[in-house]
Protein backbone atom coordinates (compact mmCIF):
# COMPACT_ATOMS: atom_id res chain seq x y z
CA UNK A 1 148.04 81.73 -25.43
CA UNK A 2 150.71 84.44 -25.30
CA UNK A 3 152.60 85.77 -28.31
CA UNK A 4 155.74 84.05 -27.04
CA UNK A 5 153.94 80.70 -26.75
CA UNK A 6 152.55 81.05 -30.28
CA UNK A 7 156.00 81.84 -31.65
CA UNK A 8 157.47 78.83 -29.84
CA UNK A 9 154.79 76.49 -31.23
CA UNK A 10 155.30 77.76 -34.77
CA UNK A 11 159.07 77.39 -34.57
CA UNK A 12 158.92 73.90 -33.05
CA UNK A 13 155.83 72.31 -34.59
CA UNK A 14 155.21 74.49 -37.66
CA UNK A 15 151.59 75.17 -36.71
CA UNK A 16 149.35 76.47 -33.96
CA UNK A 17 145.59 76.35 -33.35
CA UNK A 18 143.94 79.58 -32.20
CA UNK A 19 140.55 78.93 -30.64
CA UNK A 20 137.32 80.93 -30.81
CA UNK A 21 138.49 83.96 -32.78
CA UNK A 22 135.16 85.07 -34.29
CA UNK A 23 131.53 85.11 -33.26
CA UNK A 24 129.02 82.55 -34.48
CA UNK A 25 126.79 85.18 -36.10
CA UNK A 26 129.59 86.24 -38.47
CA UNK A 27 130.37 82.60 -39.28
CA UNK A 28 126.73 81.91 -40.10
CA UNK A 29 126.55 84.90 -42.45
CA UNK A 30 129.74 83.87 -44.25
CA UNK A 31 128.68 80.23 -44.38
CA UNK A 32 125.35 81.14 -45.94
CA UNK A 33 126.96 83.35 -48.59
CA UNK A 34 129.61 80.76 -49.45
CA UNK A 35 126.97 78.05 -49.83
CA UNK A 36 125.39 80.04 -52.66
CA UNK A 37 128.63 79.90 -54.65
CA UNK A 38 129.84 76.39 -53.74
CA UNK A 39 128.21 74.70 -56.71
CA UNK A 40 131.15 73.14 -58.59
CA UNK A 41 132.87 69.93 -57.47
CA UNK A 42 136.63 69.44 -57.68
CA UNK A 43 138.28 68.36 -60.92
CA UNK A 44 140.96 65.98 -59.62
CA UNK A 45 142.20 64.08 -56.55
CA UNK A 46 143.84 67.19 -55.15
CA UNK A 47 140.73 69.38 -55.33
CA UNK A 48 138.57 66.41 -54.38
CA UNK A 49 135.76 64.99 -56.48
CA UNK A 50 133.41 65.32 -53.51
CA UNK A 51 134.75 68.67 -52.42
CA UNK A 52 133.35 72.01 -53.52
CA UNK A 53 135.71 74.97 -53.80
CA UNK A 54 135.08 78.68 -54.26
CA UNK A 55 138.04 80.75 -55.46
CA UNK A 56 138.43 84.56 -55.50
CA UNK A 57 136.35 84.53 -52.34
CA UNK A 58 136.58 88.23 -51.49
CA UNK A 59 134.95 89.01 -54.82
CA UNK A 60 131.96 86.80 -53.98
CA UNK A 61 131.67 87.03 -50.18
CA UNK A 62 132.84 90.50 -49.03
CA UNK A 63 131.99 89.75 -45.38
CA UNK A 64 134.85 87.24 -45.41
CA UNK A 65 137.25 90.21 -45.27
CA UNK A 66 136.78 90.06 -41.49
CA UNK A 67 138.71 86.78 -41.52
CA UNK A 68 141.35 87.87 -44.04
CA UNK A 69 142.29 90.91 -41.96
CA UNK A 70 141.45 89.54 -38.50
CA UNK A 71 143.48 91.65 -36.02
CA UNK A 72 145.12 88.71 -34.24
CA UNK A 73 146.09 87.08 -37.54
CA UNK A 74 147.48 90.36 -38.90
CA UNK A 75 149.46 90.94 -35.69
CA UNK A 76 150.96 87.46 -35.98
CA UNK A 77 151.78 87.72 -39.68
CA UNK A 78 153.40 91.12 -39.16
CA UNK A 79 156.00 89.18 -37.17
CA UNK A 80 156.36 86.33 -39.66
CA UNK A 81 156.43 88.11 -43.02
CA UNK A 82 158.00 91.31 -44.37
CA UNK A 83 156.00 94.56 -44.35
CA UNK A 84 153.56 94.76 -47.23
CA UNK A 85 152.96 91.00 -47.44
CA UNK A 86 150.29 89.90 -49.90
CA UNK A 87 147.19 87.73 -50.04
CA UNK A 88 148.29 84.73 -52.10
CA UNK A 89 145.18 82.54 -52.10
CA UNK A 90 141.71 82.83 -50.62
CA UNK A 91 139.14 80.09 -51.11
CA UNK A 92 136.37 78.14 -49.44
CA UNK A 93 136.66 74.36 -49.24
CA UNK A 94 133.58 72.29 -48.43
CA UNK A 95 134.37 68.58 -47.98
CA UNK A 96 131.28 66.45 -48.56
CA UNK A 97 130.52 63.00 -47.12
CA UNK A 98 132.46 60.21 -48.79
CA UNK A 99 135.46 62.34 -49.76
CA UNK A 100 138.79 60.52 -49.65
CA UNK A 101 141.98 61.83 -48.08
CA UNK A 102 143.83 64.49 -50.06
CA UNK A 103 147.42 63.93 -51.27
CA UNK A 104 150.17 65.27 -49.00
CA UNK A 105 151.50 68.67 -50.03
CA UNK A 106 152.95 71.91 -48.68
CA UNK A 107 151.79 75.33 -49.82
CA UNK A 108 155.28 76.70 -50.54
CA UNK A 109 156.05 73.96 -53.08
CA UNK A 110 155.80 76.16 -56.19
CA UNK A 111 158.54 78.49 -54.90
CA UNK A 112 161.52 76.63 -56.36
CA UNK A 113 163.88 77.29 -53.48
CA UNK A 114 165.74 74.47 -51.74
CA UNK A 115 164.88 73.49 -48.21
CA UNK A 116 165.59 73.97 -45.37
CA UNK A 117 164.73 77.66 -45.53
CA UNK A 118 162.35 80.27 -44.22
CA UNK A 119 158.82 79.93 -45.57
CA UNK A 120 157.77 82.30 -48.33
CA UNK A 121 154.14 81.92 -47.30
CA UNK A 122 151.95 81.19 -44.28
CA UNK A 123 148.52 79.58 -44.34
CA UNK A 124 145.46 80.08 -42.17
CA UNK A 125 142.55 77.65 -42.29
CA UNK A 126 139.35 78.90 -40.66
CA UNK A 127 136.76 76.40 -39.44
CA UNK A 128 133.25 77.40 -40.48
CA UNK A 129 132.08 74.00 -39.21
CA UNK A 130 133.63 72.06 -36.36
CA UNK A 131 136.74 70.15 -37.48
CA UNK A 132 136.97 66.50 -36.39
CA UNK A 133 139.14 63.55 -37.34
CA UNK A 134 136.12 61.97 -39.01
CA UNK A 135 134.72 64.83 -41.10
CA UNK A 136 137.84 65.85 -43.04
CA UNK A 137 139.68 67.95 -40.49
CA UNK A 138 143.10 69.04 -41.74
CA UNK A 139 145.91 66.58 -41.09
CA UNK A 140 149.43 67.87 -40.41
CA UNK A 141 152.84 66.32 -39.93
CA UNK A 142 154.32 68.00 -36.89
CA UNK A 143 157.74 69.64 -37.48
CA UNK A 144 157.80 68.72 -41.18
CA UNK A 145 158.50 72.37 -41.98
CA UNK A 146 162.06 71.59 -40.85
CA UNK A 147 162.55 68.71 -43.28
CA UNK A 148 165.40 68.90 -45.81
CA UNK A 149 165.04 69.08 -49.57
CA UNK A 150 163.61 65.90 -51.08
CA UNK A 151 162.09 64.36 -47.97
CA UNK A 152 158.43 63.41 -48.34
CA UNK A 153 155.86 61.82 -46.01
CA UNK A 154 156.14 58.03 -45.81
CA UNK A 155 154.81 56.49 -42.61
CA UNK A 156 154.67 59.43 -40.20
CA UNK A 157 151.64 59.61 -37.93
CA UNK A 158 149.74 62.81 -38.75
CA UNK A 159 148.06 65.16 -36.31
CA UNK A 160 144.37 65.62 -37.05
CA UNK A 161 143.31 69.20 -36.34
CA UNK A 162 140.17 69.18 -34.22
CA UNK A 163 138.78 72.63 -33.49
CA UNK A 164 135.46 74.37 -33.04
CA UNK A 165 133.87 76.58 -35.67
CA UNK A 166 135.31 80.07 -35.37
CA UNK A 167 138.81 78.78 -34.67
CA UNK A 168 141.79 78.80 -37.03
CA UNK A 169 144.95 76.79 -37.57
CA UNK A 170 148.00 78.80 -38.69
CA UNK A 171 150.90 76.94 -40.28
CA UNK A 172 154.10 77.39 -42.25
CA UNK A 173 153.99 77.11 -46.03
CA UNK A 174 156.68 74.44 -45.62
CA UNK A 175 154.55 72.17 -43.41
CA UNK A 176 153.27 68.96 -45.04
CA UNK A 177 149.50 68.63 -44.67
CA UNK A 178 146.33 67.39 -46.35
CA UNK A 179 142.57 67.47 -46.04
CA UNK A 180 141.30 64.39 -44.23
CA UNK A 181 138.72 61.90 -45.44
CA UNK A 182 135.09 62.63 -44.56
CA UNK A 183 133.47 59.48 -43.21
CA UNK A 184 130.49 61.29 -41.66
CA UNK A 185 127.06 62.21 -43.01
CA UNK A 186 127.75 65.95 -42.86
CA UNK A 187 129.97 68.37 -44.74
CA UNK A 188 132.96 70.30 -43.39
CA UNK A 189 133.30 73.90 -44.56
CA UNK A 190 136.55 75.82 -44.21
CA UNK A 191 138.10 78.98 -45.57
CA UNK A 192 141.75 78.88 -46.55
CA UNK A 193 143.67 82.15 -46.53
CA UNK A 194 147.30 82.11 -47.65
CA UNK A 195 149.70 85.04 -47.39
CA UNK A 196 153.10 85.46 -49.03
CA UNK A 197 156.12 87.73 -48.89
CA UNK A 198 155.64 91.04 -50.77
CA UNK A 199 158.17 89.91 -53.39
CA UNK A 200 156.55 86.50 -53.96
CA UNK A 201 154.10 85.79 -56.75
CA UNK A 202 150.52 85.22 -55.54
CA UNK A 203 148.77 81.95 -56.37
CA UNK A 204 145.62 83.84 -57.34
CA UNK A 205 145.99 86.99 -59.42
CA UNK A 206 144.01 89.07 -56.95
CA UNK A 207 144.01 92.31 -58.94
CA UNK A 208 142.18 90.50 -61.73
CA UNK A 209 140.15 88.13 -59.55
CA UNK A 210 138.52 90.83 -57.41
CA UNK A 211 136.54 93.47 -59.26
CA UNK A 212 137.82 97.02 -58.66
CA UNK A 213 134.35 98.26 -57.76
CA UNK A 214 134.38 95.69 -54.97
CA UNK A 215 137.91 96.59 -53.92
CA UNK A 216 136.87 100.21 -53.34
CA UNK A 217 134.63 99.00 -50.50
CA UNK A 218 137.46 97.27 -48.65
CA UNK A 219 139.84 98.65 -46.05
CA UNK A 220 143.30 99.94 -46.96
CA UNK A 221 144.74 96.78 -45.42
CA UNK A 222 142.72 94.52 -47.69
CA UNK A 223 143.56 96.66 -50.71
CA UNK A 224 147.25 96.33 -49.93
CA UNK A 225 146.94 92.57 -49.44
CA UNK A 226 145.30 92.24 -52.84
CA UNK A 227 148.23 93.99 -54.52
CA UNK A 228 147.28 97.67 -54.50
CA UNK A 229 150.56 98.33 -52.73
CA UNK A 230 154.27 98.85 -53.34
CA UNK A 231 157.16 96.75 -52.07
CA UNK A 232 159.94 99.37 -51.79
CA UNK A 233 161.41 100.82 -53.76
CA UNK A 234 158.96 100.24 -56.62
CA UNK A 235 157.87 96.58 -57.00
CA UNK A 236 154.22 96.53 -58.03
CA UNK A 237 154.05 99.91 -59.77
CA UNK A 238 151.69 100.59 -62.68
CA UNK A 239 153.14 102.94 -65.31
CA UNK A 240 155.61 104.12 -62.70
CA UNK A 241 152.86 105.04 -60.22
CA UNK A 242 151.35 103.50 -57.09
CA UNK A 243 148.65 100.96 -58.09
CA UNK A 244 146.10 102.47 -55.72
CA UNK A 245 145.65 105.14 -58.40
CA UNK A 246 143.75 102.50 -60.36
CA UNK A 247 141.03 102.71 -57.74
CA UNK A 248 140.67 106.43 -58.45
CA UNK A 249 140.69 106.05 -62.23
CA UNK A 250 136.89 105.70 -62.41
CA UNK A 251 134.36 107.32 -60.10
CA UNK A 252 132.80 104.94 -57.56
CA UNK A 253 129.85 103.10 -59.07
CA UNK A 254 130.97 103.65 -62.66
CA UNK A 255 131.60 100.59 -64.84
CA UNK A 256 135.08 99.25 -64.21
CA UNK A 257 137.46 97.91 -66.81
CA UNK A 258 137.08 94.62 -64.93
CA UNK A 259 134.11 92.37 -65.62
CA UNK A 260 131.58 92.31 -62.80
CA UNK A 261 131.21 89.09 -60.91
């Protein structure tokens, strides 16, 4: 799919599926590491009582950085968001057998700006397992990113995202969607990565969620996405200085002011 075709799909439908972006060996490594942390079930209907979630994922599964800064995703987001955009949320979602359908929502909802408008954020859901209509594959309402203020899903027929492991669905923060019900005997693991404008508040406080000793091992791109960056002229400064200086405050390997996790 060409860049022009992707742009057309996003403008018209609000989402696009990008197939086979990463190799199976990387997926298996990430899947195995996430499984070790996916021990707590959801606390409400939105999180899912039969769904296990892992927040602050970069702090727990560093190999997942390959998805967060995947070149094709970064190239696309560079066209959709302002320079210096941030990582807003990053979590694993494992939907277990018997999980019910999630409530409809859109990821931009907490930005209290009237629709229609440009999205403040974009979401990427990576399939670590194959997505099907039966195992909890994400359901979307096509073109709902164009809906006016106050309109909510009623009887629209959703699109069930079916894609192979290693693929990703990219969609507007204004697009109504939900996790599907899992009526199979197997689980469905995904990683959700959400990005926002450099002036928007992140859902997860990444500079507290990801230990600085871990951050030092990431690329400059990941560091900037986490918040070790400046939105000109000076949004994001620490004591009037660039926040990357925090990474140089202690020698590598020394105890950080953050708690290890």
